[in-house]
Amino acid sequence: MKANKFAIAGLALLALLVLAQPTVTVTPPALTPGGVVMITVKGRAGEKCGIEIKDPFDNTVFVKEVTLSPAGEGSASWQIPTTAGLGTYTVYVSCETSGAATAPFRVTALVGGEARKDLSSLLLTALAALTVALIVFSIVKKF
């Protein structure tokens, strides 16, 4: 019977530790060099949390301490240097009482001067203009 009490107490303690962890949100989840990443932390009201970002090569590139609001929230932003390495970066958060958490984000290359540029509307416009020009040409040619 004593063993069961210890097991239940251990599970309750484990549940408290899991529930006590802060949450970290990184937006956007992918961006290019020069972009700004926003880190949002949710934990216990008034506690201090350290935020650290490490690049894909495990170098620390950003460090900041935030004090969470009465609602238990805090945030920090970091502008990615234009010379930043590409790959997955990791945000590490460590709070006084609610523990630690991590979240990743990716720094991707510019393609054609812009990240993931969508040219479909430009191509459709060009195709429509070419079609109209061919129709006008064929009408003019008949006269």
C-alpha atoms as a PDB file:
ATOM      1  CA  MET A   1       0.000   0.000   0.000  1.00  0.00           C
ATOM      2  CA  LYS A   2       2.895   2.380   0.790  1.00  0.00           C
ATOM      3  CA  ALA A   3       4.399   1.692  -2.628  1.00  0.00           C
ATOM      4  CA  ASN A   4       1.130   2.766  -4.297  1.00  0.00           C
ATOM      5  CA  LYS A   5       1.124   6.051  -2.347  1.00  0.00           C
ATOM      6  CA  PHE A   6       4.677   6.778  -3.453  1.00  0.00           C
ATOM      7  CA  ALA A   7       3.810   5.920  -7.046  1.00  0.00           C
ATOM      8  CA  ILE A   8       0.784   8.231  -7.005  1.00  0.00           C
ATOM      9  CA  ALA A   9       2.808  11.018  -5.378  1.00  0.00           C
ATOM     10  CA  GLY A  10       5.557  10.582  -7.985  1.00  0.00           C
ATOM     11  CA  LEU A  11       3.079  10.732 -10.856  1.00  0.00           C
ATOM     12  CA  ALA A  12       1.466  13.854  -9.381  1.00  0.00           C
ATOM     13  CA  LEU A  13       4.878  15.516  -9.069  1.00  0.00           C
ATOM     14  CA  LEU A  14       5.741  14.550 -12.647  1.00  0.00           C
ATOM     15  CA  ALA A  15       2.436  16.006 -13.877  1.00  0.00           C
ATOM     16  CA  LEU A  16       3.148  19.266 -12.047  1.00  0.00           C
ATOM     17  CA  LEU A  17       6.602  19.497 -13.594  1.00  0.00           C
ATOM     18  CA  VAL A  18       5.246  18.894 -17.092  1.00  0.00           C
ATOM     19  CA  LEU A  19       2.408  21.384 -16.650  1.00  0.00           C
ATOM     20  CA  ALA A  20       4.754  23.976 -15.170  1.00  0.00           C
ATOM     21  CA  GLN A  21       6.925  24.265 -18.284  1.00  0.00           C
ATOM     22  CA  PRO A  22       6.772  27.559 -20.140  1.00  0.00           C
ATOM     23  CA  THR A  23       5.568  27.633 -23.725  1.00  0.00           C
ATOM     24  CA  VAL A  24       7.587  29.268 -26.486  1.00  0.00           C
ATOM     25  CA  THR A  25       6.178  30.455 -29.802  1.00  0.00           C
ATOM     26  CA  VAL A  26       8.392  31.646 -32.652  1.00  0.00           C
ATOM     27  CA  THR A  27       6.902  33.615 -35.551  1.00  0.00           C
ATOM     28  CA  PRO A  28       7.385  33.337 -38.400  1.00  0.00           C
ATOM     29  CA  PRO A  29       8.648  29.750 -38.407  1.00  0.00           C
ATOM     30  CA  ALA A  30      10.801  30.445 -41.482  1.00  0.00           C
ATOM     31  CA  LEU A  31      12.372  33.686 -42.693  1.00  0.00           C
ATOM     32  CA  THR A  32      15.279  35.068 -44.671  1.00  0.00           C
ATOM     33  CA  PRO A  33      18.351  36.978 -43.515  1.00  0.00           C
ATOM     34  CA  GLY A  34      17.323  40.535 -42.610  1.00  0.00           C
ATOM     35  CA  GLY A  35      13.899  39.409 -41.355  1.00  0.00           C
ATOM     36  CA  VAL A  36      12.652  39.793 -37.784  1.00  0.00           C
ATOM     37  CA  VAL A  37      11.732  36.819 -35.625  1.00  0.00           C
ATOM     38  CA  MET A  38       9.346  37.296 -32.647  1.00  0.00           C
ATOM     39  CA  ILE A  39       9.701  35.037 -29.602  1.00  0.00           C
ATOM     40  CA  THR A  40       6.711  34.843 -27.253  1.00  0.00           C
ATOM     41  CA  VAL A  41       6.992  33.166 -23.844  1.00  0.00           C
ATOM     42  CA  LYS A  42       4.105  32.101 -21.597  1.00  0.00           C
ATOM     43  CA  GLY A  43       4.818  31.061 -18.036  1.00  0.00           C
ATOM     44  CA  ARG A  44       4.095  32.281 -14.506  1.00  0.00           C
ATOM     45  CA  ALA A  45       3.199  35.896 -13.826  1.00  0.00           C
ATOM     46  CA  GLY A  46       6.147  38.090 -12.882  1.00  0.00           C
ATOM     47  CA  GLU A  47       8.876  35.492 -13.313  1.00  0.00           C
ATOM     48  CA  LYS A  48      12.094  36.246 -15.167  1.00  0.00           C
ATOM     49  CA  CYS A  49      12.952  34.192 -18.232  1.00  0.00           C
ATOM     50  CA  GLY A  50      16.182  34.066 -20.187  1.00  0.00           C
ATOM     51  CA  ILE A  51      15.946  33.774 -23.961  1.00  0.00           C
ATOM     52  CA  GLU A  52      18.886  32.493 -25.979  1.00  0.00           C
ATOM     53  CA  ILE A  53      19.085  31.790 -29.721  1.00  0.00           C
ATOM     54  CA  LYS A  54      21.698  29.442 -31.161  1.00  0.00           C
ATOM     55  CA  ASP A  55      22.506  29.204 -34.849  1.00  0.00           C
ATOM     56  CA  PRO A  56      22.848  25.929 -36.793  1.00  0.00           C
ATOM     57  CA  PHE A  57      26.505  25.776 -35.738  1.00  0.00           C
ATOM     58  CA  ASP A  58      25.607  25.995 -32.003  1.00  0.00           C
ATOM     59  CA  ASN A  59      26.893  29.576 -31.652  1.00  0.00           C
ATOM     60  CA  THR A  60      24.912  31.865 -29.338  1.00  0.00           C
ATOM     61  CA  VAL A  61      23.651  34.742 -31.495  1.00  0.00           C
ATOM     62  CA  PHE A  62      21.081  36.414 -29.193  1.00  0.00           C
ATOM     63  CA  VAL A  63      20.529  36.662 -25.426  1.00  0.00           C
ATOM     64  CA  LYS A  64      17.840  38.590 -23.556  1.00  0.00           C
ATOM     65  CA  GLU A  65      16.078  38.467 -20.199  1.00  0.00           C
ATOM     66  CA  VAL A  66      12.372  39.271 -19.984  1.00  0.00           C
ATOM     67  CA  THR A  67      10.054  39.629 -17.017  1.00  0.00           C
ATOM     68  CA  LEU A  68       6.671  38.073 -17.696  1.00  0.00           C
ATOM     69  CA  SER A  69       3.591  40.284 -17.355  1.00  0.00           C
ATOM     70  CA  PRO A  70       0.823  39.760 -14.759  1.00  0.00           C
ATOM     71  CA  ALA A  71      -0.822  37.613 -17.447  1.00  0.00           C
ATOM     72  CA  GLY A  72       2.332  35.459 -17.601  1.00  0.00           C
ATOM     73  CA  GLU A  73       3.482  36.584 -21.045  1.00  0.00           C
ATOM     74  CA  GLY A  74       6.626  38.168 -22.425  1.00  0.00           C
ATOM     75  CA  SER A  75       8.298  38.622 -25.774  1.00  0.00           C
ATOM     76  CA  ALA A  76      11.480  39.584 -27.562  1.00  0.00           C
ATOM     77  CA  SER A  77      12.375  40.188 -31.177  1.00  0.00           C
ATOM     78  CA  TRP A  78      15.602  39.678 -33.086  1.00  0.00           C
ATOM     79  CA  GLN A  79      16.514  40.906 -36.539  1.00  0.00           C
ATOM     80  CA  ILE A  80      18.373  38.207 -38.427  1.00  0.00           C
ATOM     81  CA  PRO A  81      21.683  39.646 -39.700  1.00  0.00           C
ATOM     82  CA  THR A  82      21.990  39.741 -43.483  1.00  0.00           C
ATOM     83  CA  THR A  83      25.151  37.643 -43.086  1.00  0.00           C
ATOM     84  CA  ALA A  84      23.413  34.951 -40.992  1.00  0.00           C
ATOM     85  CA  GLY A  85      24.043  31.295 -41.788  1.00  0.00           C
ATOM     86  CA  LEU A  86      21.200  29.294 -43.291  1.00  0.00           C
ATOM     87  CA  GLY A  87      19.536  26.425 -41.469  1.00  0.00           C
ATOM     88  CA  THR A  88      17.638  25.651 -38.283  1.00  0.00           C
ATOM     89  CA  TYR A  89      18.077  27.979 -35.316  1.00  0.00           C
ATOM     90  CA  THR A  90      16.954  27.008 -31.802  1.00  0.00           C
ATOM     91  CA  VAL A  91      15.379  29.289 -29.201  1.00  0.00           C
ATOM     92  CA  TYR A  92      16.130  28.213 -25.627  1.00  0.00           C
ATOM     93  CA  VAL A  93      14.000  29.666 -22.821  1.00  0.00           C
ATOM     94  CA  SER A  94      14.758  29.174 -19.143  1.00  0.00           C
ATOM     95  CA  CYS A  95      12.394  30.627 -16.521  1.00  0.00           C
ATOM     96  CA  GLU A  96      12.921  31.014 -12.755  1.00  0.00           C
ATOM     97  CA  THR A  97      10.040  28.819 -11.635  1.00  0.00           C
ATOM     98  CA  SER A  98       8.267  27.334 -14.642  1.00  0.00           C
ATOM     99  CA  GLY A  99      11.318  25.628 -16.127  1.00  0.00           C
ATOM    100  CA  ALA A 100      12.698  25.479 -19.647  1.00  0.00           C
ATOM    101  CA  ALA A 101      11.483  25.000 -23.206  1.00  0.00           C
ATOM    102  CA  THR A 102      12.837  25.195 -26.757  1.00  0.00           C
ATOM    103  CA  ALA A 103      11.462  26.053 -30.200  1.00  0.00           C
ATOM    104  CA  PRO A 104      13.068  25.971 -33.669  1.00  0.00           C
ATOM    105  CA  PHE A 105      12.851  28.310 -36.654  1.00  0.00           C
ATOM    106  CA  ARG A 106      14.538  28.248 -40.064  1.00  0.00           C
ATOM    107  CA  VAL A 107      16.572  30.849 -41.898  1.00  0.00           C
ATOM    108  CA  THR A 108      16.233  30.220 -45.642  1.00  0.00           C
ATOM    109  CA  ALA A 109      17.933  31.596 -48.740  1.00  0.00           C
ATOM    110  CA  LEU A 110      16.586  34.357 -50.921  1.00  0.00           C
ATOM    111  CA  VAL A 111      15.348  33.098 -54.288  1.00  0.00           C
ATOM    112  CA  GLY A 112      15.374  35.635 -57.108  1.00  0.00           C
ATOM    113  CA  GLY A 113      15.768  38.455 -54.597  1.00  0.00           C
ATOM    114  CA  GLU A 114      12.758  37.387 -52.551  1.00  0.00           C
ATOM    115  CA  ALA A 115      11.916  34.419 -50.391  1.00  0.00           C
ATOM    116  CA  ARG A 116       9.604  31.950 -52.117  1.00  0.00           C
ATOM    117  CA  LYS A 117       8.395  34.522 -54.633  1.00  0.00           C
ATOM    118  CA  ASP A 118       5.108  33.505 -56.292  1.00  0.00           C
ATOM    119  CA  LEU A 119       5.237  34.358 -59.986  1.00  0.00           C
ATOM    120  CA  SER A 120       1.965  32.653 -60.958  1.00  0.00           C
ATOM    121  CA  SER A 121      -0.095  35.880 -61.141  1.00  0.00           C
ATOM    122  CA  LEU A 122       2.621  37.584 -63.207  1.00  0.00           C
ATOM    123  CA  LEU A 123       2.729  34.635 -65.605  1.00  0.00           C
ATOM    124  CA  LEU A 124      -1.070  34.614 -65.961  1.00  0.00           C
ATOM    125  CA  THR A 125      -1.087  38.352 -66.700  1.00  0.00           C
ATOM    126  CA  ALA A 126       1.639  37.933 -69.341  1.00  0.00           C
ATOM    127  CA  LEU A 127      -0.231  35.014 -70.922  1.00  0.00           C
ATOM    128  CA  ALA A 128      -3.471  37.025 -71.044  1.00  0.00           C
ATOM    129  CA  ALA A 129      -1.667  40.009 -72.639  1.00  0.00           C
ATOM    130  CA  LEU A 130      -0.058  37.724 -75.236  1.00  0.00           C
ATOM    131  CA  THR A 131      -3.441  36.172 -76.064  1.00  0.00           C
ATOM    132  CA  VAL A 132      -5.039  39.586 -76.547  1.00  0.00           C
ATOM    133  CA  ALA A 133      -2.105  40.696 -78.732  1.00  0.00           C
ATOM    134  CA  LEU A 134      -2.446  37.592 -80.928  1.00  0.00           C
ATOM    135  CA  ILE A 135      -6.195  38.139 -81.310  1.00  0.00           C
ATOM    136  CA  VAL A 136      -5.705  41.804 -82.246  1.00  0.00           C
ATOM    137  CA  PHE A 137      -2.922  40.847 -84.685  1.00  0.00           C
ATOM    138  CA  SER A 138      -5.097  38.234 -86.389  1.00  0.00           C
ATOM    139  CA  ILE A 139      -7.996  40.734 -86.713  1.00  0.00           C
ATOM    140  CA  VAL A 140      -5.718  43.470 -88.126  1.00  0.00           C
ATOM    141  CA  LYS A 141      -4.142  40.990 -90.548  1.00  0.00           C
ATOM    142  CA  LYS A 142      -7.572  40.155 -92.051  1.00  0.00           C
ATOM    143  CA  PHE A 143      -8.084  43.778 -93.044  1.00  0.00           C
END
